[in-house]
PDB file of N, CA and C in Angstrom:
ATOM      1  N   MET A   1      77.801 -46.614 -69.369  1.00  0.00           N
ATOM      2  CA  MET A   1      79.179 -46.245 -69.112  1.00  0.00           C
ATOM      3  C   MET A   1      79.520 -44.930 -69.824  1.00  0.00           C
ATOM      4  N   LEU A   2      79.068 -44.794 -71.072  1.00  0.00           N
ATOM      5  CA  LEU A   2      79.319 -43.535 -71.790  1.00  0.00           C
ATOM      6  C   LEU A   2      78.640 -42.362 -71.093  1.00  0.00           C
ATOM      7  N   HIS A   3      77.423 -42.573 -70.593  1.00  0.00           N
ATOM      8  CA  HIS A   3      76.723 -41.507 -69.867  1.00  0.00           C
ATOM      9  C   HIS A   3      77.534 -41.069 -68.658  1.00  0.00           C
ATOM     10  N   SER A   4      78.107 -42.008 -67.956  1.00  0.00           N
ATOM     11  CA  SER A   4      78.887 -41.703 -66.755  1.00  0.00           C
ATOM     12  C   SER A   4      80.112 -40.851 -67.091  1.00  0.00           C
ATOM     13  N   TYR A   5      80.879 -41.274 -68.076  1.00  0.00           N
ATOM     14  CA  TYR A   5      82.077 -40.520 -68.459  1.00  0.00           C
ATOM     15  C   TYR A   5      81.720 -39.161 -69.049  1.00  0.00           C
ATOM     16  N   ALA A   6      80.708 -39.116 -69.898  1.00  0.00           N
ATOM     17  CA  ALA A   6      80.327 -37.849 -70.528  1.00  0.00           C
ATOM     18  C   ALA A   6      79.702 -36.891 -69.531  1.00  0.00           C
ATOM     19  N   GLY A   7      79.211 -37.404 -68.423  1.00  0.00           N
ATOM     20  CA  GLY A   7      78.644 -36.535 -67.396  1.00  0.00           C
ATOM     21  C   GLY A   7      79.702 -35.741 -66.650  1.00  0.00           C
ATOM     22  N   ARG A   8      80.925 -36.218 -66.676  1.00  0.00           N
ATOM     23  CA  ARG A   8      82.027 -35.527 -65.995  1.00  0.00           C
ATOM     24  C   ARG A   8      82.698 -34.473 -66.858  1.00  0.00           C
ATOM     25  N   ALA A   9      82.836 -34.786 -68.144  1.00  0.00           N
ATOM     26  CA  ALA A   9      83.513 -33.870 -69.077  1.00  0.00           C
ATOM     27  C   ALA A   9      83.239 -34.350 -70.501  1.00  0.00           C
ATOM     28  N   PRO A  10      83.379 -33.467 -71.493  1.00  0.00           N
ATOM     29  CA  PRO A  10      83.215 -33.916 -72.880  1.00  0.00           C
ATOM     30  C   PRO A  10      84.162 -35.079 -73.179  1.00  0.00           C
ATOM     31  N   LEU A  11      83.727 -35.950 -74.058  1.00  0.00           N
ATOM     32  CA  LEU A  11      84.453 -37.188 -74.302  1.00  0.00           C
ATOM     33  C   LEU A  11      84.729 -37.352 -75.796  1.00  0.00           C
ATOM     34  N   LEU A  12      85.941 -37.754 -76.117  1.00  0.00           N
ATOM     35  CA  LEU A  12      86.323 -38.087 -77.491  1.00  0.00           C
ATOM     36  C   LEU A  12      86.591 -39.584 -77.552  1.00  0.00           C
ATOM     37  N   ILE A  13      85.915 -40.261 -78.466  1.00  0.00           N
ATOM     38  CA  ILE A  13      86.170 -41.679 -78.722  1.00  0.00           C
ATOM     39  C   ILE A  13      86.686 -41.767 -80.148  1.00  0.00           C
ATOM     40  N   ALA A  14      87.920 -42.201 -80.309  1.00  0.00           N
ATOM     41  CA  ALA A  14      88.538 -42.312 -81.632  1.00  0.00           C
ATOM     42  C   ALA A  14      88.881 -43.770 -81.892  1.00  0.00           C
ATOM     43  N   VAL A  15      88.393 -44.291 -83.013  1.00  0.00           N
ATOM     44  CA  VAL A  15      88.624 -45.685 -83.371  1.00  0.00           C
ATOM     45  C   VAL A  15      89.210 -45.716 -84.778  1.00  0.00           C
ATOM     46  N   ASP A  16      90.378 -46.289 -84.896  1.00  0.00           N
ATOM     47  CA  ASP A  16      91.058 -46.399 -86.186  1.00  0.00           C
ATOM     48  C   ASP A  16      90.858 -47.814 -86.730  1.00  0.00           C
ATOM     49  N   ASP A  17      90.815 -47.939 -88.045  1.00  0.00           N
ATOM     50  CA  ASP A  17      90.731 -49.247 -88.707  1.00  0.00           C
ATOM     51  C   ASP A  17      89.491 -50.044 -88.306  1.00  0.00           C
ATOM     52  N   VAL A  18      88.343 -49.428 -88.392  1.00  0.00           N
ATOM     53  CA  VAL A  18      87.086 -50.096 -88.038  1.00  0.00           C
ATOM     54  C   VAL A  18      86.860 -51.346 -88.887  1.00  0.00           C
ATOM     55  N   HIS A  19      87.386 -51.361 -90.088  1.00  0.00           N
ATOM     56  CA  HIS A  19      87.208 -52.525 -90.965  1.00  0.00           C
ATOM     57  C   HIS A  19      87.845 -53.783 -90.379  1.00  0.00           C
ATOM     58  N   LEU A  20      88.720 -53.642 -89.411  1.00  0.00           N
ATOM     59  CA  LEU A  20      89.355 -54.792 -88.768  1.00  0.00           C
ATOM     60  C   LEU A  20      88.660 -55.212 -87.467  1.00  0.00           C
ATOM     61  N   ALA A  21      87.611 -54.517 -87.094  1.00  0.00           N
ATOM     62  CA  ALA A  21      86.928 -54.809 -85.833  1.00  0.00           C
ATOM     63  C   ALA A  21      86.231 -56.162 -85.887  1.00  0.00           C
ATOM     64  N   ASP A  22      86.252 -56.850 -84.759  1.00  0.00           N
ATOM     65  CA  ASP A  22      85.506 -58.101 -84.670  1.00  0.00           C
ATOM     66  C   ASP A  22      84.014 -57.762 -84.584  1.00  0.00           C
ATOM     67  N   PRO A  23      83.138 -58.720 -84.821  1.00  0.00           N
ATOM     68  CA  PRO A  23      81.696 -58.429 -84.840  1.00  0.00           C
ATOM     69  C   PRO A  23      81.158 -57.797 -83.552  1.00  0.00           C
ATOM     70  N   ALA A  24      81.625 -58.241 -82.402  1.00  0.00           N
ATOM     71  CA  ALA A  24      81.143 -57.668 -81.137  1.00  0.00           C
ATOM     72  C   ALA A  24      81.547 -56.201 -81.008  1.00  0.00           C
ATOM     73  N   SER A  25      82.758 -55.871 -81.377  1.00  0.00           N
ATOM     74  CA  SER A  25      83.218 -54.468 -81.308  1.00  0.00           C
ATOM     75  C   SER A  25      82.466 -53.611 -82.305  1.00  0.00           C
ATOM     76  N   HIS A  26      82.210 -54.137 -83.473  1.00  0.00           N
ATOM     77  CA  HIS A  26      81.461 -53.393 -84.492  1.00  0.00           C
ATOM     78  C   HIS A  26      80.048 -53.099 -83.986  1.00  0.00           C
ATOM     79  N   ARG A  27      79.386 -54.080 -83.389  1.00  0.00           N
ATOM     80  CA  ARG A  27      78.043 -53.863 -82.837  1.00  0.00           C
ATOM     81  C   ARG A  27      78.075 -52.806 -81.734  1.00  0.00           C
ATOM     82  N   TRP A  28      79.117 -52.823 -80.887  1.00  0.00           N
ATOM     83  CA  TRP A  28      79.222 -51.828 -79.817  1.00  0.00           C
ATOM     84  C   TRP A  28      79.335 -50.423 -80.407  1.00  0.00           C
ATOM     85  N   LEU A  29      80.149 -50.276 -81.434  1.00  0.00           N
ATOM     86  CA  LEU A  29      80.304 -48.964 -82.070  1.00  0.00           C
ATOM     87  C   LEU A  29      78.992 -48.476 -82.669  1.00  0.00           C
ATOM     88  N   VAL A  30      78.293 -49.353 -83.368  1.00  0.00           N
ATOM     89  CA  VAL A  30      77.016 -48.979 -83.983  1.00  0.00           C
ATOM     90  C   VAL A  30      76.015 -48.558 -82.909  1.00  0.00           C
ATOM     91  N   GLU A  31      75.876 -49.352 -81.863  1.00  0.00           N
ATOM     92  CA  GLU A  31      74.933 -49.014 -80.788  1.00  0.00           C
ATOM     93  C   GLU A  31      75.347 -47.733 -80.067  1.00  0.00           C
ATOM     94  N   SER A  32      76.619 -47.553 -79.832  1.00  0.00           N
ATOM     95  CA  SER A  32      77.098 -46.337 -79.174  1.00  0.00           C
ATOM     96  C   SER A  32      76.785 -45.114 -80.020  1.00  0.00           C
ATOM     97  N   ALA A  33      77.002 -45.211 -81.319  1.00  0.00           N
ATOM     98  CA  ALA A  33      76.725 -44.082 -82.215  1.00  0.00           C
ATOM     99  C   ALA A  33      75.250 -43.703 -82.180  1.00  0.00           C
ATOM    100  N   ARG A  34      74.392 -44.672 -81.972  1.00  0.00           N
ATOM    101  CA  ARG A  34      72.943 -44.392 -81.918  1.00  0.00           C
ATOM    102  C   ARG A  34      72.541 -43.652 -80.649  1.00  0.00           C
ATOM    103  N   HIS A  35      73.355 -43.694 -79.611  1.00  0.00           N
ATOM    104  CA  HIS A  35      72.963 -43.138 -78.315  1.00  0.00           C
ATOM    105  C   HIS A  35      73.743 -41.904 -77.887  1.00  0.00           C
ATOM    106  N   VAL A  36      74.658 -41.409 -78.686  1.00  0.00           N
ATOM    107  CA  VAL A  36      75.479 -40.272 -78.254  1.00  0.00           C
ATOM    108  C   VAL A  36      74.965 -38.925 -78.744  1.00  0.00           C
ATOM    109  N   ASP A  37      73.844 -38.898 -79.425  1.00  0.00           N
ATOM    110  CA  ASP A  37      73.378 -37.654 -80.034  1.00  0.00           C
ATOM    111  C   ASP A  37      73.077 -36.543 -79.035  1.00  0.00           C
ATOM    112  N   ARG A  38      72.752 -36.862 -77.801  1.00  0.00           N
ATOM    113  CA  ARG A  38      72.438 -35.817 -76.818  1.00  0.00           C
ATOM    114  C   ARG A  38      73.482 -35.710 -75.717  1.00  0.00           C
ATOM    115  N   LEU A  39      74.604 -36.355 -75.928  1.00  0.00           N
ATOM    116  CA  LEU A  39      75.685 -36.318 -74.946  1.00  0.00           C
ATOM    117  C   LEU A  39      76.870 -35.534 -75.501  1.00  0.00           C
ATOM    118  N   PRO A  40      77.708 -34.970 -74.632  1.00  0.00           N
ATOM    119  CA  PRO A  40      78.900 -34.252 -75.106  1.00  0.00           C
ATOM    120  C   PRO A  40      79.999 -35.238 -75.509  1.00  0.00           C
ATOM    121  N   ILE A  41      79.701 -36.017 -76.571  1.00  0.00           N
ATOM    122  CA  ILE A  41      80.622 -37.044 -77.049  1.00  0.00           C
ATOM    123  C   ILE A  41      80.865 -36.850 -78.534  1.00  0.00           C
ATOM    124  N   LEU A  42      82.123 -36.916 -78.924  1.00  0.00           N
ATOM    125  CA  LEU A  42      82.494 -36.935 -80.333  1.00  0.00           C
ATOM    126  C   LEU A  42      83.048 -38.327 -80.614  1.00  0.00           C
ATOM    127  N   LEU A  43      82.389 -39.052 -81.512  1.00  0.00           N
ATOM    128  CA  LEU A  43      82.813 -40.396 -81.892  1.00  0.00           C
ATOM    129  C   LEU A  43      83.363 -40.320 -83.304  1.00  0.00           C
ATOM    130  N   VAL A  44      84.641 -40.650 -83.448  1.00  0.00           N
ATOM    131  CA  VAL A  44      85.321 -40.589 -84.743  1.00  0.00           C
ATOM    132  C   VAL A  44      85.837 -41.977 -85.067  1.00  0.00           C
ATOM    133  N   ALA A  45      85.504 -42.455 -86.265  1.00  0.00           N
ATOM    134  CA  ALA A  45      85.965 -43.777 -86.677  1.00  0.00           C
ATOM    135  C   ALA A  45      86.517 -43.689 -88.095  1.00  0.00           C
ATOM    136  N   THR A  46      87.585 -44.422 -88.344  1.00  0.00           N
ATOM    137  CA  THR A  46      88.146 -44.470 -89.693  1.00  0.00           C
ATOM    138  C   THR A  46      88.048 -45.887 -90.219  1.00  0.00           C
ATOM    139  N   GLU A  47      87.852 -45.978 -91.516  1.00  0.00           N
ATOM    140  CA  GLU A  47      87.742 -47.274 -92.168  1.00  0.00           C
ATOM    141  C   GLU A  47      88.508 -47.208 -93.479  1.00  0.00           C
ATOM    142  N   ARG A  48      89.307 -48.199 -93.728  1.00  0.00           N
ATOM    143  CA  ARG A  48      90.081 -48.253 -94.960  1.00  0.00           C
ATOM    144  C   ARG A  48      89.337 -49.141 -95.956  1.00  0.00           C
ATOM    145  N   SER A  49      89.164 -48.650 -97.150  1.00  0.00           N
ATOM    146  CA  SER A  49      88.431 -49.427 -98.151  1.00  0.00           C
ATOM    147  C   SER A  49      89.220 -49.499 -99.457  1.00  0.00           C
ATOM    148  N   GLN A  50      90.472 -49.856 -99.350  1.00  0.00           N
ATOM    149  CA  GLN A  50      91.313 -49.969-100.540  1.00  0.00           C
ATOM    150  C   GLN A  50      91.356 -51.408-101.010  1.00  0.00           C
ATOM    151  N   TYR A  51      91.786 -51.594-102.221  1.00  0.00           N
ATOM    152  CA  TYR A  51      91.817 -52.912-102.842  1.00  0.00           C
ATOM    153  C   TYR A  51      92.750 -53.902-102.160  1.00  0.00           C
ATOM    154  N   ASP A  52      93.753 -53.419-101.425  1.00  0.00           N
ATOM    155  CA  ASP A  52      94.728 -54.325-100.825  1.00  0.00           C
ATOM    156  C   ASP A  52      94.354 -54.772 -99.410  1.00  0.00           C
ATOM    157  N   VAL A  53      93.133 -54.462 -98.978  1.00  0.00           N
ATOM    158  CA  VAL A  53      92.692 -54.834 -97.650  1.00  0.00           C
ATOM    159  C   VAL A  53      91.483 -55.745 -97.778  1.00  0.00           C
ATOM    160  N   ASP A  54      91.551 -56.901 -97.147  1.00  0.00           N
ATOM    161  CA  ASP A  54      90.410 -57.811 -97.107  1.00  0.00           C
ATOM    162  C   ASP A  54      89.708 -57.631 -95.776  1.00  0.00           C
ATOM    163  N   PRO A  55      88.547 -56.949 -95.762  1.00  0.00           N
ATOM    164  CA  PRO A  55      87.858 -56.751 -94.496  1.00  0.00           C
ATOM    165  C   PRO A  55      87.348 -58.076 -93.956  1.00  0.00           C
ATOM    166  N   ARG A  56      87.229 -58.128 -92.634  1.00  0.00           N
ATOM    167  CA  ARG A  56      86.672 -59.317 -91.999  1.00  0.00           C
ATOM    168  C   ARG A  56      85.197 -59.394 -92.350  1.00  0.00           C
ATOM    169  N   PRO A  57      84.691 -60.594 -92.579  1.00  0.00           N
ATOM    170  CA  PRO A  57      83.245 -60.714 -92.833  1.00  0.00           C
ATOM    171  C   PRO A  57      82.451 -60.361 -91.572  1.00  0.00           C
ATOM    172  N   ARG A  58      81.352 -59.678 -91.758  1.00  0.00           N
ATOM    173  CA  ARG A  58      80.471 -59.295 -90.646  1.00  0.00           C
ATOM    174  C   ARG A  58      79.565 -60.467 -90.307  1.00  0.00           C
ATOM    175  N   ALA A  59      79.374 -60.661 -89.028  1.00  0.00           N
ATOM    176  CA  ALA A  59      78.497 -61.761 -88.587  1.00  0.00           C
ATOM    177  C   ALA A  59      77.083 -61.272 -88.423  1.00  0.00           C
TER     178      ALA A  59
END
């Protein structure tokens, strides 16, 4: 799917609060990041790591 969209025009994927992602979404982000190196895609993700946030446990 990313190949299809990136084939039409450069693509920006922005994900905020990755620490709140469910395990399936986290796996998708990791796998996507591994495959975008030769595509016109910019993948930006933010993660909050402050003391007042309890991240979800990873499965």
